[in-house]
Amino acid sequence: MSKRISIRDVAEAADVSIGSVSRVLNNSGYASETLRKRVSEAAERLGYEPDFTAKHLRVERSKTIGYLLPNIANPFLAAHLSEVERLTQAAGYSLLVGSSERPGRDRELVAFFENRRLEGIIASPSYEYPDIESCPFTHSKLPVVIVDREMGHAFDSVLIDHHNGLLKAMDYLLTLGHRRIALFVSSERLRPGREKLSGYRTALEAAGLPFDNNLVHMPHSWLASSRYAMERMLQLPNPPTALIALGTPLLSGAIHVAYEHGLQVPRDLSVIGIGSLETLELMYPPVTALRYNFERSAQIAVQLMLDRISGSAPEEARKMMVPWDLIIGASCAPARR
């Protein structure tokens, strides 16, 4: 009886890795046209036939989806994670969570998820990979859905419309007569910070106002840095009359400094918080909030993943956008002349 040709045999004949052969033959993950041709020719030359019994066993594997995120303590990601877990459980899947704050850890987690025979990976990594070859997700045998990150390769993705969200907040403050508006958001290193800054710049330009870098704070850390930044801004010859700040730590730190300087919200300083409406409503006065629908974002991410797992998704990567809502509270007032 002749020996059955294996994926390992095809990999050796094509002089590529077993993982590369698996991606081509199973049509899962990224593979260049050159690689596809090389593997296909080697498989045909050797007379390779897929082992449908083994394939069936793989399909029955784990009913588990992996979720990769940078920091489980982040309130935005924690809310999204909670909803993703609820939805995956409702669909009959378990969720395995891994936290990563460096590219090397991303690769380790992808390998860990693959070794555990998970069905797919939902990922909001701490690093964006503009180069296809360096991205650990392009080499994964598992379907991948990316949450709110820009990658150099087309994955199914759900994105938050930070640009237009900031436009909403800025337009609201501009209609109240504010012209010196401070912005406290996350670093430009990742898409959320870049898009928020872009929306801020667009609103200023549309209003005919100059961009002042002294009014922008994009920290890597939270509370202490926001206090320092607010102290610095209040010392400016023309200090801000309004503030848009991401998350309760940045917002509360800035407001405390304002109070220490004898300023009152909203009489002297109008504020808009970006984050959980439930948290911001507990502050006094209740803070006007820019809130994104994390329930909708989670629903889209899970559905994109389930479509990939079931094989019902189109071949092309899909990109879905989730808007922000501006919820009016009592923390904004007309600018004092």
Protein backbone atom coordinates (compact mmCIF):
# COMPACT_ATOMS: atom_id res chain seq x y z
CA MET A 1 0.00 0.00 0.00
CA SER A 2 1.43 3.38 -1.00
CA LYS A 3 2.10 5.92 1.70
CA ARG A 4 -0.56 8.61 2.12
CA ILE A 5 0.79 12.05 1.22
CA SER A 6 0.65 14.38 4.24
CA ILE A 7 0.72 18.14 4.68
CA ARG A 8 4.30 17.72 5.93
CA ASP A 9 5.26 16.11 2.61
CA VAL A 10 3.71 19.01 0.69
CA ALA A 11 5.52 21.53 2.92
CA GLU A 12 8.88 19.83 2.29
CA ALA A 13 8.28 19.68 -1.47
CA ALA A 14 7.27 23.35 -1.61
CA ASP A 15 10.03 24.35 0.84
CA VAL A 16 7.58 26.22 3.09
CA SER A 17 6.25 25.75 6.62
CA ILE A 18 3.46 23.34 7.52
CA GLY A 19 1.41 26.33 8.70
CA SER A 20 1.74 27.97 5.27
CA VAL A 21 0.52 24.79 3.56
CA SER A 22 -2.40 24.56 5.97
CA ARG A 23 -3.45 28.16 5.27
CA VAL A 24 -3.41 27.58 1.52
CA LEU A 25 -5.14 24.19 1.50
CA ASN A 26 -7.77 25.23 4.06
CA ASN A 27 -8.12 28.74 2.61
CA SER A 28 -7.76 30.25 6.10
CA GLY A 29 -5.58 33.24 6.90
CA TYR A 30 -3.38 35.31 4.62
CA ALA A 31 -1.30 33.70 1.86
CA SER A 32 0.34 35.51 -1.06
CA GLU A 33 -0.37 34.46 -4.64
CA THR A 34 3.22 33.22 -4.95
CA LEU A 35 2.79 31.01 -1.89
CA ARG A 36 -0.58 29.68 -3.09
CA LYS A 37 0.89 28.74 -6.47
CA ARG A 38 3.91 27.07 -4.88
CA VAL A 39 1.84 24.97 -2.48
CA SER A 40 -0.81 24.07 -5.07
CA GLU A 41 1.80 22.89 -7.56
CA ALA A 42 3.57 20.78 -4.92
CA ALA A 43 0.28 19.23 -3.76
CA GLU A 44 -0.72 18.37 -7.33
CA ARG A 45 2.72 16.96 -8.16
CA LEU A 46 2.67 14.68 -5.11
CA GLY A 47 -0.96 13.67 -5.56
CA TYR A 48 -2.01 15.06 -2.18
CA GLU A 49 -5.60 14.32 -1.11
CA PRO A 50 -7.15 15.95 1.99
CA ASP A 51 -7.97 13.71 4.95
CA PHE A 52 -11.68 14.42 5.35
CA THR A 53 -11.88 12.29 8.51
CA ALA A 54 -9.24 14.42 10.23
CA LYS A 55 -10.91 17.54 8.89
CA HIS A 56 -14.21 16.45 10.41
CA LEU A 57 -12.51 15.88 13.76
CA ARG A 58 -11.05 19.38 13.63
CA VAL A 59 -14.47 20.87 12.97
CA GLU A 60 -15.73 19.22 16.14
CA ARG A 61 -12.88 20.62 18.21
CA SER A 62 -13.59 23.14 20.95
CA LYS A 63 -16.61 25.45 20.55
CA THR A 64 -14.35 28.13 22.05
CA ILE A 65 -13.42 31.59 20.73
CA GLY A 66 -10.36 33.52 21.86
CA TYR A 67 -10.46 37.20 22.79
CA LEU A 68 -7.15 39.11 22.76
CA LEU A 69 -7.09 42.58 24.31
CA PRO A 70 -4.38 44.87 25.73
CA ASN A 71 -5.67 45.63 29.21
CA ILE A 72 -8.63 43.98 30.87
CA ALA A 73 -8.81 46.87 33.37
CA ASN A 74 -9.64 49.35 30.59
CA PRO A 75 -13.34 50.22 31.18
CA PHE A 76 -14.14 50.43 27.45
CA LEU A 77 -12.62 47.03 26.71
CA ALA A 78 -14.09 45.49 29.87
CA ALA A 79 -17.61 46.52 28.83
CA HIS A 80 -17.03 45.18 25.32
CA LEU A 81 -15.56 41.93 26.67
CA SER A 82 -18.53 41.37 28.98
CA GLU A 83 -20.98 41.73 26.10
CA VAL A 84 -18.90 39.54 23.77
CA GLU A 85 -18.86 36.82 26.43
CA ARG A 86 -22.64 37.02 26.86
CA LEU A 87 -23.22 36.74 23.11
CA THR A 88 -20.77 33.90 22.53
CA GLN A 89 -22.31 31.92 25.38
CA ALA A 90 -25.76 32.50 23.90
CA ALA A 91 -24.44 31.06 20.62
CA GLY A 92 -23.10 27.97 22.41
CA TYR A 93 -19.44 28.99 22.59
CA SER A 94 -17.02 29.56 25.45
CA LEU A 95 -14.68 32.56 25.52
CA LEU A 96 -10.98 32.30 26.39
CA VAL A 97 -9.41 35.69 27.19
CA GLY A 98 -5.77 36.68 26.84
CA SER A 99 -4.24 40.04 27.78
CA SER A 100 -1.33 41.44 25.79
CA GLU A 101 0.55 44.73 25.89
CA ARG A 102 3.43 43.93 23.51
CA PRO A 103 3.74 42.46 19.98
CA GLY A 104 5.66 39.39 21.18
CA ARG A 105 2.84 38.53 23.54
CA ASP A 106 0.34 38.80 20.66
CA ARG A 107 2.24 36.06 18.82
CA GLU A 108 2.38 33.92 21.95
CA LEU A 109 -1.37 34.20 22.46
CA VAL A 110 -2.17 33.41 18.83
CA ALA A 111 -0.04 30.26 19.12
CA PHE A 112 -1.71 29.41 22.45
CA PHE A 113 -5.19 29.79 20.94
CA GLU A 114 -4.22 27.61 17.97
CA ASN A 115 -2.75 24.90 20.21
CA ARG A 116 -5.98 24.86 22.19
CA ARG A 117 -7.82 24.32 18.87
CA LEU A 118 -10.01 27.36 19.26
CA GLU A 119 -12.53 28.23 16.54
CA GLY A 120 -11.40 31.83 15.99
CA ILE A 121 -9.89 34.97 17.50
CA ILE A 122 -11.49 38.34 18.26
CA ALA A 123 -8.63 40.78 18.78
CA SER A 124 -8.13 44.36 19.91
CA PRO A 125 -4.32 44.25 20.16
CA SER A 126 -2.07 46.78 21.83
CA TYR A 127 -0.11 47.23 18.62
CA GLU A 128 -1.13 47.88 15.01
CA TYR A 129 0.77 45.94 12.37
CA PRO A 130 1.17 47.95 9.14
CA ASP A 131 3.40 45.23 7.69
CA ILE A 132 1.58 42.04 6.66
CA GLU A 133 4.49 39.70 7.33
CA SER A 134 5.09 40.95 10.89
CA CYS A 135 1.42 40.62 11.86
CA PRO A 136 0.78 37.45 13.90
CA PHE A 137 -2.85 37.33 12.79
CA THR A 138 -2.10 37.02 9.07
CA HIS A 139 -0.24 33.77 9.74
CA SER A 140 -2.94 32.28 11.94
CA LYS A 141 -4.87 29.23 10.77
CA LEU A 142 -7.90 30.62 12.63
CA PRO A 143 -10.42 33.20 11.42
CA VAL A 144 -9.75 36.62 12.95
CA VAL A 145 -12.01 39.60 13.68
CA ILE A 146 -10.24 42.86 14.57
CA VAL A 147 -11.84 45.40 16.93
CA ASP A 148 -11.02 49.10 16.41
CA ARG A 149 -7.52 48.73 15.01
CA GLU A 150 -5.97 49.53 11.62
CA MET A 151 -3.94 46.68 10.15
CA GLY A 152 -1.85 46.32 7.02
CA HIS A 153 -4.01 43.38 5.95
CA ALA A 154 -7.75 43.20 5.40
CA PHE A 155 -9.46 41.35 8.24
CA ASP A 156 -13.12 41.35 9.17
CA SER A 157 -13.29 44.31 11.52
CA VAL A 158 -15.62 46.41 13.63
CA LEU A 159 -14.49 50.02 13.98
CA ILE A 160 -15.68 52.82 16.26
CA ASP A 161 -16.38 56.13 14.50
CA HIS A 162 -14.19 58.27 16.76
CA HIS A 163 -13.76 60.99 14.12
CA ASN A 164 -17.46 61.80 13.81
CA GLY A 165 -17.97 61.30 17.53
CA LEU A 166 -15.50 64.11 18.25
CA LEU A 167 -17.18 66.22 15.59
CA LYS A 168 -20.48 65.87 17.48
CA ALA A 169 -18.89 66.91 20.78
CA MET A 170 -16.99 69.82 19.23
CA ASP A 171 -20.01 71.09 17.30
CA TYR A 172 -22.04 71.11 20.52
CA LEU A 173 -19.42 73.15 22.38
CA LEU A 174 -18.87 75.50 19.44
CA THR A 175 -22.60 76.28 19.30
CA LEU A 176 -22.33 77.27 22.97
CA GLY A 177 -19.72 79.84 22.00
CA HIS A 178 -16.60 78.01 23.15
CA ARG A 179 -13.46 78.70 21.14
CA ARG A 180 -10.74 77.40 23.48
CA ILE A 181 -11.54 73.70 23.85
CA ALA A 182 -9.08 71.31 25.50
CA LEU A 183 -8.82 67.67 24.43
CA PHE A 184 -7.65 64.83 26.72
CA VAL A 185 -7.58 61.52 24.82
CA SER A 186 -5.39 58.45 24.38
CA SER A 187 -2.15 58.36 22.44
CA GLU A 188 -1.96 58.66 18.65
CA ARG A 189 -0.14 55.33 18.66
CA LEU A 190 -3.45 53.53 18.11
CA ARG A 191 -6.47 54.23 15.92
CA PRO A 192 -8.85 55.55 18.64
CA GLY A 193 -6.50 58.41 19.59
CA ARG A 194 -5.63 59.26 15.98
CA GLU A 195 -9.26 59.36 14.89
CA LYS A 196 -10.36 61.50 17.84
CA LEU A 197 -7.59 64.00 17.14
CA SER A 198 -8.59 64.02 13.48
CA GLY A 199 -12.21 64.84 14.37
CA TYR A 200 -11.02 67.59 16.72
CA ARG A 201 -8.86 69.15 14.00
CA THR A 202 -11.65 68.91 11.44
CA ALA A 203 -14.11 70.72 13.73
CA LEU A 204 -11.63 73.53 14.43
CA GLU A 205 -10.88 73.95 10.74
CA ALA A 206 -14.58 74.06 9.84
CA ALA A 207 -15.11 76.76 12.49
CA GLY A 208 -12.15 78.78 11.19
CA LEU A 209 -10.20 78.28 14.43
CA PRO A 210 -6.47 77.52 14.69
CA PHE A 211 -5.18 74.27 16.13
CA ASP A 212 -3.30 74.90 19.39
CA ASN A 213 -1.13 72.00 20.52
CA ASN A 214 -1.09 73.50 24.04
CA LEU A 215 -4.74 72.45 24.41
CA VAL A 216 -4.18 68.79 23.49
CA HIS A 217 -3.12 66.12 25.99
CA MET A 218 -2.61 62.54 24.74
CA PRO A 219 -1.04 60.63 27.65
CA HIS A 220 0.24 57.09 28.03
CA SER A 221 -0.76 57.15 31.71
CA TRP A 222 -3.87 58.51 33.38
CA LEU A 223 -4.77 60.47 36.52
CA ALA A 224 -1.47 62.14 37.48
CA SER A 225 -0.79 63.24 33.92
CA SER A 226 -4.26 64.79 33.55
CA ARG A 227 -3.77 66.86 36.69
CA TYR A 228 -0.42 68.13 35.43
CA ALA A 229 -1.84 68.90 31.98
CA MET A 230 -4.79 70.82 33.40
CA GLU A 231 -2.51 72.84 35.69
CA ARG A 232 -0.40 73.77 32.68
CA MET A 233 -3.40 74.74 30.55
CA LEU A 234 -4.93 76.94 33.24
CA GLN A 235 -1.66 78.90 33.34
CA LEU A 236 -1.95 79.80 29.65
CA PRO A 237 -2.65 83.47 28.79
CA ASN A 238 -5.88 82.28 27.15
CA PRO A 239 -6.92 79.13 29.06
CA PRO A 240 -9.60 76.70 27.86
CA THR A 241 -13.27 77.31 28.62
CA ALA A 242 -14.28 73.75 27.72
CA LEU A 243 -12.82 70.26 27.97
CA ILE A 244 -13.42 66.95 26.20
CA ALA A 245 -11.81 64.09 28.14
CA LEU A 246 -11.60 60.33 27.69
CA GLY A 247 -12.67 58.21 30.65
CA THR A 248 -13.41 59.00 34.26
CA PRO A 249 -9.74 59.10 35.45
CA LEU A 250 -8.66 61.78 32.97
CA LEU A 251 -11.87 63.77 33.42
CA SER A 252 -11.96 63.65 37.22
CA GLY A 253 -8.29 64.61 37.52
CA ALA A 254 -8.81 67.65 35.31
CA ILE A 255 -12.00 68.71 37.09
CA HIS A 256 -10.35 68.49 40.52
CA VAL A 257 -7.61 70.85 39.35
CA ALA A 258 -10.23 73.24 37.98
CA TYR A 259 -12.00 73.27 41.36
CA GLU A 260 -8.68 73.91 43.12
CA HIS A 261 -8.33 77.01 40.94
CA GLY A 262 -11.77 78.24 41.99
CA LEU A 263 -13.49 77.26 38.74
CA GLN A 264 -16.93 75.71 38.66
CA VAL A 265 -18.51 73.27 36.18
CA PRO A 266 -20.28 74.34 34.02
CA ARG A 267 -20.14 78.05 34.93
CA ASP A 268 -16.43 78.46 34.22
CA LEU A 269 -15.58 75.21 32.48
CA SER A 270 -17.85 73.09 30.29
CA VAL A 271 -16.92 69.41 30.15
CA ILE A 272 -17.82 66.44 27.96
CA GLY A 273 -16.75 62.97 29.05
CA ILE A 274 -16.02 60.14 26.66
CA GLY A 275 -17.02 56.85 28.18
CA SER A 276 -19.57 55.02 30.29
CA LEU A 277 -22.79 56.98 30.68
CA GLU A 278 -23.52 55.12 33.91
CA THR A 279 -20.25 56.32 35.47
CA LEU A 280 -20.45 59.88 34.19
CA GLU A 281 -24.04 60.30 35.41
CA LEU A 282 -22.78 59.69 38.97
CA MET A 283 -20.55 62.77 38.84
CA TYR A 284 -21.86 66.17 39.88
CA PRO A 285 -23.13 67.81 37.86
CA PRO A 286 -24.12 64.87 35.61
CA VAL A 287 -21.61 64.99 32.77
CA THR A 288 -22.58 65.37 29.13
CA ALA A 289 -21.29 62.13 27.63
CA LEU A 290 -20.00 60.89 24.32
CA ARG A 291 -20.94 57.23 24.46
CA TYR A 292 -20.38 54.51 21.91
CA ASN A 293 -22.72 51.56 21.65
CA PHE A 294 -20.45 48.76 22.91
CA GLU A 295 -23.41 46.36 22.80
CA ARG A 296 -23.72 46.92 19.05
CA SER A 297 -19.96 46.67 18.57
CA ALA A 298 -19.85 43.35 20.41
CA GLN A 299 -22.85 42.05 18.47
CA ILE A 300 -21.16 42.83 15.15
CA ALA A 301 -17.82 41.31 16.22
CA VAL A 302 -19.45 38.07 17.36
CA GLN A 303 -21.63 37.80 14.25
CA LEU A 304 -18.64 38.36 11.96
CA MET A 305 -16.81 35.59 13.81
CA LEU A 306 -19.73 33.15 13.72
CA ASP A 307 -20.11 33.76 9.99
CA ARG A 308 -16.44 32.90 9.45
CA ILE A 309 -16.65 29.78 11.60
CA SER A 310 -19.75 28.53 9.78
CA GLY A 311 -18.31 29.30 6.35
CA SER A 312 -21.18 31.63 5.45
CA ALA A 313 -19.06 34.80 5.27
CA PRO A 314 -18.08 36.25 1.88
CA GLU A 315 -14.48 35.83 0.79
CA GLU A 316 -13.79 39.57 1.03
CA ALA A 317 -13.10 41.05 4.44
CA ARG A 318 -15.97 43.07 5.90
CA LYS A 319 -15.61 46.38 7.74
CA MET A 320 -18.42 47.67 9.98
CA MET A 321 -18.60 51.09 11.69
CA VAL A 322 -20.28 51.86 15.04
CA PRO A 323 -21.23 55.50 15.84
CA TRP A 324 -20.97 57.52 19.05
CA ASP A 325 -24.01 59.14 20.69
CA LEU A 326 -23.88 62.51 22.46
CA ILE A 327 -25.96 62.33 25.65
CA ILE A 328 -26.68 65.80 27.03
CA GLY A 329 -26.15 66.21 30.78
CA ALA A 330 -25.70 69.30 32.95
CA SER A 331 -21.97 69.92 32.58
CA CYS A 332 -21.99 72.35 29.64
CA ALA A 333 -23.03 76.01 29.49
CA PRO A 334 -22.53 78.96 27.13
CA ALA A 335 -19.00 80.33 27.17
CA ARG A 336 -18.55 83.30 29.50
CA ARG A 337 -17.61 86.46 27.65
